[in-house]
Amino acid sequence: MHRGMSLGFAPALSRHGISRRNEPGARHASPRHCCGRGRLLSAALLSRGRGSAGSANSAKRTSKGFKAAGKARCSPRRRHKRKQAKTDEDHTARENKDETPLLEVKSQEIIQTDFSLEKLQKVVRFNSDCTILATGGVDGYLRTWKYPSLKPLCKVLAHQGEIDDLDFAPDNKVVTAGRDFACSVWQHGVLVAGLDWSHVRPDIPSKTYRFQGCRFAAVEDSNEGVMRLYTVHIPHRRERRPLPCFLTKWDANNFLPLLNASCGNEVISTLAVSEAGTYLGLGTITGSVAIHIAFSLQRVYYVRETHGIVVTELGFLPSSTGQKSQKKHLDAELLSVSLDSRCKLHVLRARTLVPIWLVLLCCALCFLGVAFGMKGLLP
């Protein structure tokens, strides 16, 4: 019994300076002494084991108590806050939902419209009733197609170089502007007229400017269907000191110039005309947008560099009868598209005109006031 106790607690006894009897050089202790030490160590070990178990149980009880207390402490208010936060997140997600309408484009027919080495189509236009399609590209050919069958109608070499712009007249005449300093009018593949800008500005040397844009437009409030042709002229070469660009208005019957005006030093990239022929829209290669009155070519709206890069296309919103009643305070709305992947809306506010009778009345009152004042000063 004593030996079993001494062997069973050998590691513990060795730590307390008591070794086994059979080991050489070991210090022999009496059975009584060994038994007493064994009882003391066994009691200490048992108390230590109970203590560790007790501390573990107490830690479990304490953690359970904290958990229960935490649940009891945060249950109503914290649950309400969590629910409110979730509601706010759902509301924010609904607000940030992308509801932009998608435009689905389906391919009907595929045709080749340019046969140059670059194979680059630069401009395409529909006529007024969308039955004829005209295209122009780098090879200089004007091609017209029947729509929607896309059967070729005619093909003509319009320019010795690229075609920058073209447009349809109501009678299906086609005007083309090219980089060969020419602007020509065609009908059924036959040349009708060529515009000569040298008569407009004889003070400017030839081949200094070229045609950039061309648009047909009706004369506002004209019951006889009178038409005008508007063209844009830009410098052929860029100079260190920028040259001004010009707008020209032509008679669409005899194609003679009627009016010419400067439109700034920024190079014009695109031209648009409103539905009623009242306003002209201009876009520049620097991203600026301007609106001019078609009658006088006077600028009434201008935003400098509203786009970060060249303006590629402009379009006036149509003004129907129902829309006019809702937008009495607006004269025109112009959309601009640029290579910066942005589309912007430009609004021209309605102009407030003073009646002529009110002006005459004010002049008469001023005259009478001056007359009576002079009469009081005279003896």
Protein backbone atom coordinates (compact mmCIF):
# COMPACT_ATOMS: atom_id res chain seq x y z
CA MET A 1 0.00 0.00 0.00
CA HIS A 2 2.76 2.36 0.88
CA ARG A 3 4.76 1.36 -2.17
CA GLY A 4 1.74 1.83 -4.47
CA MET A 5 1.18 5.26 -3.04
CA SER A 6 4.83 6.20 -3.45
CA LEU A 7 4.88 4.87 -7.04
CA GLY A 8 1.55 6.45 -7.96
CA PHE A 9 2.71 9.86 -6.86
CA ALA A 10 6.31 9.49 -8.07
CA PRO A 11 6.33 12.60 -10.30
CA ALA A 12 4.77 14.70 -7.59
CA LEU A 13 7.09 13.29 -4.89
CA SER A 14 10.16 13.91 -6.98
CA ARG A 15 9.18 17.57 -7.24
CA HIS A 16 9.05 17.69 -3.42
CA GLY A 17 12.53 16.14 -2.97
CA ILE A 18 11.39 12.49 -2.39
CA SER A 19 12.84 9.87 -4.79
CA ARG A 20 12.14 6.20 -5.35
CA ARG A 21 13.86 3.66 -3.10
CA ASN A 22 15.34 1.55 -5.90
CA GLU A 23 17.05 4.45 -7.58
CA PRO A 24 20.75 4.69 -6.83
CA GLY A 25 21.74 7.44 -4.48
CA ALA A 26 18.17 8.01 -3.53
CA ARG A 27 17.38 9.34 -0.13
CA HIS A 28 15.29 6.72 1.71
CA ALA A 29 12.37 7.85 3.70
CA SER A 30 10.44 5.94 6.23
CA PRO A 31 7.08 4.45 5.29
CA ARG A 32 5.40 6.71 7.75
CA HIS A 33 7.05 9.77 6.30
CA CYS A 34 6.22 8.72 2.75
CA CYS A 35 2.64 7.96 3.60
CA GLY A 36 2.20 11.35 5.17
CA ARG A 37 3.63 13.15 2.19
CA GLY A 38 1.43 11.09 -0.15
CA ARG A 39 -1.69 11.98 1.79
CA LEU A 40 -0.80 15.64 1.76
CA LEU A 41 -0.08 15.65 -2.01
CA SER A 42 -3.16 13.61 -2.85
CA ALA A 43 -5.27 15.99 -0.84
CA ALA A 44 -3.65 18.95 -2.59
CA LEU A 45 -4.18 17.43 -6.04
CA LEU A 46 -7.78 16.57 -5.28
CA SER A 47 -8.43 20.08 -4.03
CA ARG A 48 -6.76 21.50 -7.11
CA GLY A 49 -8.90 19.35 -9.44
CA ARG A 50 -12.05 20.35 -7.60
CA GLY A 51 -10.98 23.96 -7.80
CA SER A 52 -10.44 23.86 -11.54
CA ALA A 53 -13.74 22.11 -12.11
CA GLY A 54 -15.45 24.57 -9.83
CA SER A 55 -13.91 27.54 -11.60
CA ALA A 56 -15.01 26.13 -14.98
CA ASN A 57 -18.53 25.61 -13.71
CA SER A 58 -18.58 29.07 -12.22
CA ALA A 59 -17.29 30.56 -15.53
CA LYS A 60 -20.05 28.76 -17.41
CA ARG A 61 -22.61 30.02 -14.96
CA THR A 62 -21.20 33.53 -15.23
CA SER A 63 -21.20 33.52 -19.06
CA LYS A 64 -24.74 32.18 -19.11
CA GLY A 65 -25.71 34.86 -16.71
CA PHE A 66 -24.14 37.57 -18.91
CA LYS A 67 -25.88 36.17 -21.96
CA ALA A 68 -29.20 36.08 -20.22
CA ALA A 69 -28.66 39.57 -18.87
CA GLY A 70 -27.66 40.82 -22.33
CA LYS A 71 -30.78 39.32 -23.88
CA ALA A 72 -32.95 40.77 -21.22
CA ARG A 73 -31.27 44.16 -21.48
CA CYS A 74 -31.39 44.64 -25.33
CA SER A 75 -34.43 42.69 -26.41
CA PRO A 76 -37.08 45.39 -27.07
CA ARG A 77 -35.03 48.41 -28.05
CA ARG A 78 -32.26 46.69 -29.97
CA ARG A 79 -34.68 44.56 -31.92
CA HIS A 80 -36.56 47.72 -32.90
CA LYS A 81 -33.33 49.40 -34.02
CA ARG A 82 -32.32 46.37 -36.08
CA LYS A 83 -35.72 46.26 -37.71
CA GLN A 84 -35.58 49.98 -38.46
CA ALA A 85 -32.08 49.66 -39.94
CA LYS A 86 -33.23 46.83 -42.19
CA THR A 87 -36.21 48.91 -43.31
CA ASP A 88 -33.91 51.83 -44.12
CA GLU A 89 -31.59 49.56 -46.12
CA ASP A 90 -34.51 48.20 -48.14
CA HIS A 91 -35.76 51.74 -48.79
CA THR A 92 -32.29 52.86 -49.92
CA ALA A 93 -31.99 49.85 -52.20
CA ARG A 94 -35.35 50.69 -53.80
CA GLU A 95 -34.28 54.32 -54.30
CA ASN A 96 -30.97 53.32 -55.89
CA LYS A 97 -32.58 50.81 -58.22
CA ASP A 98 -31.70 51.53 -61.84
CA GLU A 99 -35.00 52.24 -63.62
CA THR A 100 -33.46 53.57 -66.84
CA PRO A 101 -35.48 52.35 -69.84
CA LEU A 102 -33.49 50.09 -72.13
CA LEU A 103 -33.53 50.51 -75.90
CA GLU A 104 -33.45 47.20 -77.70
CA VAL A 105 -32.01 47.34 -81.20
CA LYS A 106 -32.69 44.48 -83.61
CA SER A 107 -30.83 43.99 -86.86
CA GLN A 108 -33.09 43.83 -89.95
CA GLU A 109 -30.70 43.98 -92.89
CA ILE A 110 -26.95 44.49 -93.26
CA ILE A 111 -25.60 46.45 -96.23
CA GLN A 112 -22.22 47.94 -97.05
CA THR A 113 -22.40 51.71 -97.55
CA ASP A 114 -18.72 52.59 -98.08
CA PHE A 115 -16.16 50.81 -100.25
CA SER A 116 -12.97 52.70 -99.42
CA LEU A 117 -9.99 51.10 -97.72
CA GLU A 118 -11.22 52.40 -94.36
CA LYS A 119 -14.84 51.29 -95.02
CA LEU A 120 -16.10 54.17 -92.86
CA GLN A 121 -19.65 55.52 -93.07
CA LYS A 122 -19.72 59.10 -91.75
CA VAL A 123 -23.32 60.25 -92.10
CA VAL A 124 -26.80 58.79 -92.61
CA ARG A 125 -30.16 60.58 -93.02
CA PHE A 126 -33.83 59.73 -93.59
CA ASN A 127 -36.18 61.80 -95.72
CA SER A 128 -39.29 63.41 -94.18
CA ASP A 129 -41.56 60.34 -94.48
CA CYS A 130 -38.79 57.78 -93.70
CA THR A 131 -39.08 56.00 -97.06
CA ILE A 132 -35.60 56.84 -98.39
CA LEU A 133 -32.25 56.49 -96.63
CA ALA A 134 -29.13 58.37 -97.76
CA THR A 135 -25.57 57.52 -96.72
CA GLY A 136 -22.19 59.13 -97.22
CA GLY A 137 -18.70 58.01 -96.30
CA VAL A 138 -14.98 58.27 -96.90
CA ASP A 139 -15.15 57.15 -100.55
CA GLY A 140 -17.14 60.32 -101.49
CA TYR A 141 -20.17 58.47 -102.92
CA LEU A 142 -23.74 59.48 -102.14
CA ARG A 143 -25.93 56.39 -101.96
CA THR A 144 -29.70 56.29 -101.49
CA TRP A 145 -31.68 53.25 -100.41
CA LYS A 146 -35.34 52.28 -100.32
CA TYR A 147 -36.50 51.80 -96.73
CA PRO A 148 -37.22 49.34 -95.15
CA SER A 149 -36.20 46.94 -97.92
CA LEU A 150 -32.80 48.70 -98.28
CA LYS A 151 -32.77 48.23 -102.04
CA PRO A 152 -30.30 50.63 -103.74
CA LEU A 153 -31.90 53.55 -105.58
CA CYS A 154 -28.96 55.58 -106.88
CA LYS A 155 -25.22 56.02 -106.47
CA VAL A 156 -23.26 59.10 -107.45
CA LEU A 157 -19.71 60.33 -106.82
CA ALA A 158 -20.62 63.53 -104.99
CA HIS A 159 -17.17 64.64 -103.73
CA GLN A 160 -13.49 63.97 -104.30
CA GLY A 161 -12.98 62.98 -100.69
CA GLU A 162 -14.99 62.42 -97.54
CA ILE A 163 -18.63 63.44 -97.17
CA ASP A 164 -18.98 65.26 -93.86
CA ASP A 165 -22.74 65.95 -93.86
CA LEU A 166 -25.93 65.61 -95.90
CA ASP A 167 -29.63 66.39 -95.55
CA PHE A 168 -32.97 65.92 -97.30
CA ALA A 169 -35.31 68.66 -98.52
CA PRO A 170 -39.09 68.08 -98.41
CA ASP A 171 -39.06 67.39 -102.18
CA ASN A 172 -36.31 64.74 -101.66
CA LYS A 173 -33.46 66.90 -102.89
CA VAL A 174 -30.21 65.98 -101.12
CA VAL A 175 -27.52 68.47 -100.14
CA THR A 176 -24.01 67.16 -99.42
CA ALA A 177 -20.99 68.87 -97.84
CA GLY A 178 -17.54 67.42 -98.50
CA ARG A 179 -13.93 68.06 -97.64
CA ASP A 180 -13.16 69.13 -101.21
CA PHE A 181 -14.48 72.68 -100.42
CA ALA A 182 -17.76 71.89 -102.24
CA CYS A 183 -21.40 71.79 -101.21
CA SER A 184 -23.77 70.34 -103.82
CA VAL A 185 -27.50 69.75 -104.25
CA TRP A 186 -28.69 66.52 -105.92
CA GLN A 187 -31.99 65.08 -107.05
CA HIS A 188 -32.34 61.51 -108.34
CA GLY A 189 -28.57 61.35 -108.81
CA VAL A 190 -28.40 64.51 -110.92
CA LEU A 191 -26.55 67.66 -109.84
CA VAL A 192 -29.01 70.53 -109.32
CA ALA A 193 -26.74 73.28 -107.96
CA GLY A 194 -23.39 73.92 -106.36
CA LEU A 195 -23.03 76.50 -103.59
CA ASP A 196 -20.37 79.14 -104.14
CA TRP A 197 -19.26 80.74 -100.87
CA SER A 198 -16.71 83.02 -102.51
CA HIS A 199 -19.55 85.42 -103.42
CA VAL A 200 -20.53 85.57 -99.75
CA ARG A 201 -17.10 86.56 -98.42
CA PRO A 202 -14.94 87.82 -101.29
CA ASP A 203 -12.50 89.27 -98.77
CA ILE A 204 -11.45 85.75 -97.64
CA PRO A 205 -8.96 83.85 -99.85
CA SER A 206 -10.23 80.72 -101.54
CA LYS A 207 -9.74 77.35 -99.86
CA THR A 208 -9.39 78.98 -96.46
CA TYR A 209 -12.76 77.64 -95.32
CA ARG A 210 -14.67 74.48 -96.13
CA PHE A 211 -18.27 73.37 -95.64
CA GLN A 212 -18.87 71.41 -92.44
CA GLY A 213 -22.66 71.15 -92.00
CA CYS A 214 -25.81 71.66 -94.09
CA ARG A 215 -29.52 71.64 -93.19
CA PHE A 216 -32.80 72.42 -94.96
CA ALA A 217 -35.48 74.19 -92.91
CA ALA A 218 -38.86 75.79 -93.45
CA VAL A 219 -39.38 79.49 -92.89
CA GLU A 220 -41.29 80.12 -89.67
CA ASP A 221 -44.98 81.02 -90.11
CA SER A 222 -44.77 80.61 -93.88
CA ASN A 223 -47.92 79.18 -95.50
CA GLU A 224 -46.36 78.84 -98.94
CA GLY A 225 -43.75 76.28 -97.91
CA VAL A 226 -40.78 78.60 -98.37
CA MET A 227 -37.51 76.79 -97.56
CA ARG A 228 -34.07 77.90 -96.48
CA LEU A 229 -30.71 76.14 -96.53
CA TYR A 230 -28.22 76.72 -93.69
CA THR A 231 -24.52 75.88 -93.93
CA VAL A 232 -21.57 76.01 -91.52
CA HIS A 233 -18.06 77.01 -92.60
CA ILE A 234 -14.94 76.15 -90.62
CA PRO A 235 -11.24 76.87 -91.28
CA HIS A 236 -9.60 74.25 -93.46
CA ARG A 237 -6.41 74.45 -91.43
CA ARG A 238 -5.84 75.28 -87.82
CA GLU A 239 -3.88 78.43 -87.29
CA ARG A 240 -1.98 79.59 -84.23
CA ARG A 241 -4.51 82.37 -83.94
CA PRO A 242 -7.96 80.75 -84.29
CA LEU A 243 -10.07 81.98 -87.17
CA PRO A 244 -13.82 82.52 -86.71
CA CYS A 245 -16.42 80.10 -88.03
CA PHE A 246 -19.41 81.28 -90.08
CA LEU A 247 -23.12 80.57 -90.55
CA THR A 248 -24.74 81.21 -93.95
CA LYS A 249 -28.41 81.27 -94.92
CA TRP A 250 -29.33 80.42 -98.53
CA ASP A 251 -32.50 80.61 -100.60
CA ALA A 252 -33.53 77.00 -101.20
CA ASN A 253 -35.05 77.80 -104.61
CA ASN A 254 -32.21 79.52 -106.45
CA PHE A 255 -29.47 78.68 -103.89
CA LEU A 256 -28.23 82.24 -103.57
CA PRO A 257 -26.83 83.51 -100.25
CA LEU A 258 -29.13 85.67 -98.10
CA LEU A 259 -27.22 86.28 -94.86
CA ASN A 260 -23.86 85.48 -93.32
CA ALA A 261 -22.69 85.84 -89.70
CA SER A 262 -19.78 84.79 -87.50
CA CYS A 263 -20.50 82.16 -84.84
CA GLY A 264 -17.32 82.29 -82.70
CA ASN A 265 -13.78 80.97 -82.81
CA GLU A 266 -14.60 77.41 -81.64
CA VAL A 267 -14.62 74.93 -84.50
CA ILE A 268 -18.16 73.76 -85.27
CA SER A 269 -18.68 69.99 -85.33
CA THR A 270 -22.45 69.61 -85.89
CA LEU A 271 -25.55 71.58 -86.92
CA ALA A 272 -29.25 71.13 -86.15
CA VAL A 273 -32.47 73.00 -87.03
CA SER A 274 -35.67 73.11 -84.98
CA GLU A 275 -38.89 71.63 -86.32
CA ALA A 276 -40.49 75.00 -87.08
CA GLY A 277 -37.28 76.45 -88.51
CA THR A 278 -37.00 79.03 -85.73
CA TYR A 279 -33.66 78.10 -84.15
CA LEU A 280 -30.31 76.64 -85.15
CA GLY A 281 -28.23 74.48 -82.82
CA LEU A 282 -24.44 74.37 -82.99
CA GLY A 283 -21.99 71.97 -81.30
CA THR A 284 -18.22 72.43 -81.19
CA ILE A 285 -15.18 70.15 -81.01
CA THR A 286 -14.43 71.55 -77.53
CA GLY A 287 -17.84 70.46 -76.15
CA SER A 288 -19.69 73.80 -76.26
CA VAL A 289 -23.34 74.19 -77.33
CA ALA A 290 -25.05 77.30 -78.78
CA ILE A 291 -28.51 78.23 -80.11
CA HIS A 292 -29.00 80.89 -82.80
CA ILE A 293 -32.12 82.53 -84.21
CA ALA A 294 -32.61 81.27 -87.76
CA PHE A 295 -34.00 84.57 -89.05
CA SER A 296 -31.14 86.83 -87.96
CA LEU A 297 -28.43 84.23 -87.12
CA GLN A 298 -28.07 85.95 -83.73
CA ARG A 299 -26.87 83.83 -80.80
CA VAL A 300 -29.33 83.64 -77.89
CA TYR A 301 -27.92 80.71 -75.88
CA TYR A 302 -24.40 79.49 -75.18
CA VAL A 303 -22.80 77.04 -72.73
CA ARG A 304 -19.03 76.76 -72.86
CA GLU A 305 -17.58 73.22 -72.76
CA THR A 306 -20.71 71.61 -71.35
CA HIS A 307 -19.22 68.33 -72.64
CA GLY A 308 -15.68 67.17 -72.05
CA ILE A 309 -15.00 66.47 -75.73
CA VAL A 310 -16.42 66.96 -79.23
CA VAL A 311 -20.23 67.19 -79.64
CA THR A 312 -21.21 64.55 -82.20
CA GLU A 313 -24.95 65.19 -82.65
CA LEU A 314 -27.70 67.68 -81.76
CA GLY A 315 -31.48 67.42 -81.93
CA PHE A 316 -34.36 69.73 -81.04
CA LEU A 317 -37.27 68.15 -79.23
CA PRO A 318 -40.50 68.27 -81.27
CA SER A 319 -43.07 70.81 -80.10
CA SER A 320 -46.57 69.39 -80.55
CA THR A 321 -49.80 71.25 -79.74
CA GLY A 322 -50.28 69.44 -76.43
CA GLN A 323 -46.72 70.13 -75.33
CA LYS A 324 -46.95 73.84 -76.16
CA SER A 325 -49.73 74.31 -73.62
CA GLN A 326 -47.60 72.65 -70.94
CA LYS A 327 -44.33 74.42 -71.85
CA LYS A 328 -45.37 78.00 -72.48
CA HIS A 329 -42.31 79.25 -70.62
CA LEU A 330 -39.92 77.40 -72.98
CA ASP A 331 -38.97 78.44 -76.50
CA ALA A 332 -36.81 75.44 -77.39
CA GLU A 333 -35.28 72.27 -75.94
CA LEU A 334 -32.06 70.92 -77.45
CA LEU A 335 -30.43 67.54 -76.81
CA SER A 336 -26.67 67.22 -77.24
CA VAL A 337 -24.67 63.97 -77.52
CA SER A 338 -20.90 63.76 -77.13
CA LEU A 339 -18.04 61.29 -77.16
CA ASP A 340 -17.93 61.59 -73.37
CA SER A 341 -20.94 59.17 -73.32
CA ARG A 342 -23.29 61.87 -72.02
CA CYS A 343 -26.56 63.29 -73.31
CA LYS A 344 -27.58 66.72 -72.03
CA LEU A 345 -30.75 68.78 -72.35
CA HIS A 346 -30.46 72.52 -73.02
CA VAL A 347 -33.51 74.71 -72.36
CA LEU A 348 -34.11 78.10 -73.95
CA ARG A 349 -36.48 80.19 -71.81
CA ALA A 350 -39.30 82.11 -73.47
CA ARG A 351 -38.49 85.70 -74.26
CA THR A 352 -40.69 88.41 -72.75
CA LEU A 353 -41.70 90.90 -75.45
CA VAL A 354 -42.90 94.40 -74.67
CA PRO A 355 -45.94 95.51 -76.77
CA ILE A 356 -45.25 98.34 -79.21
CA TRP A 357 -48.17 100.39 -77.91
CA LEU A 358 -46.65 100.38 -74.44
CA VAL A 359 -43.36 101.68 -75.83
CA LEU A 360 -45.16 104.47 -77.72
CA LEU A 361 -47.15 105.42 -74.63
CA CYS A 362 -43.98 105.70 -72.54
CA CYS A 363 -42.37 107.88 -75.21
CA ALA A 364 -45.42 110.16 -75.33
CA LEU A 365 -45.48 110.56 -71.55
CA CYS A 366 -41.77 111.37 -71.50
CA PHE A 367 -42.28 113.99 -74.24
CA LEU A 368 -45.19 115.60 -72.37
CA GLY A 369 -43.19 115.64 -69.13
CA VAL A 370 -40.26 117.35 -70.82
CA ALA A 371 -42.61 119.86 -72.51
CA PHE A 372 -44.36 120.82 -69.28
CA GLY A 373 -41.04 121.06 -67.49
CA MET A 374 -39.65 123.42 -70.09
CA LYS A 375 -42.86 125.49 -69.95
CA GLY A 376 -42.46 125.95 -66.18
CA LEU A 377 -38.89 127.10 -66.58
CA LEU A 378 -39.71 129.66 -69.26
CA PRO A 379 -40.99 133.14 -68.06
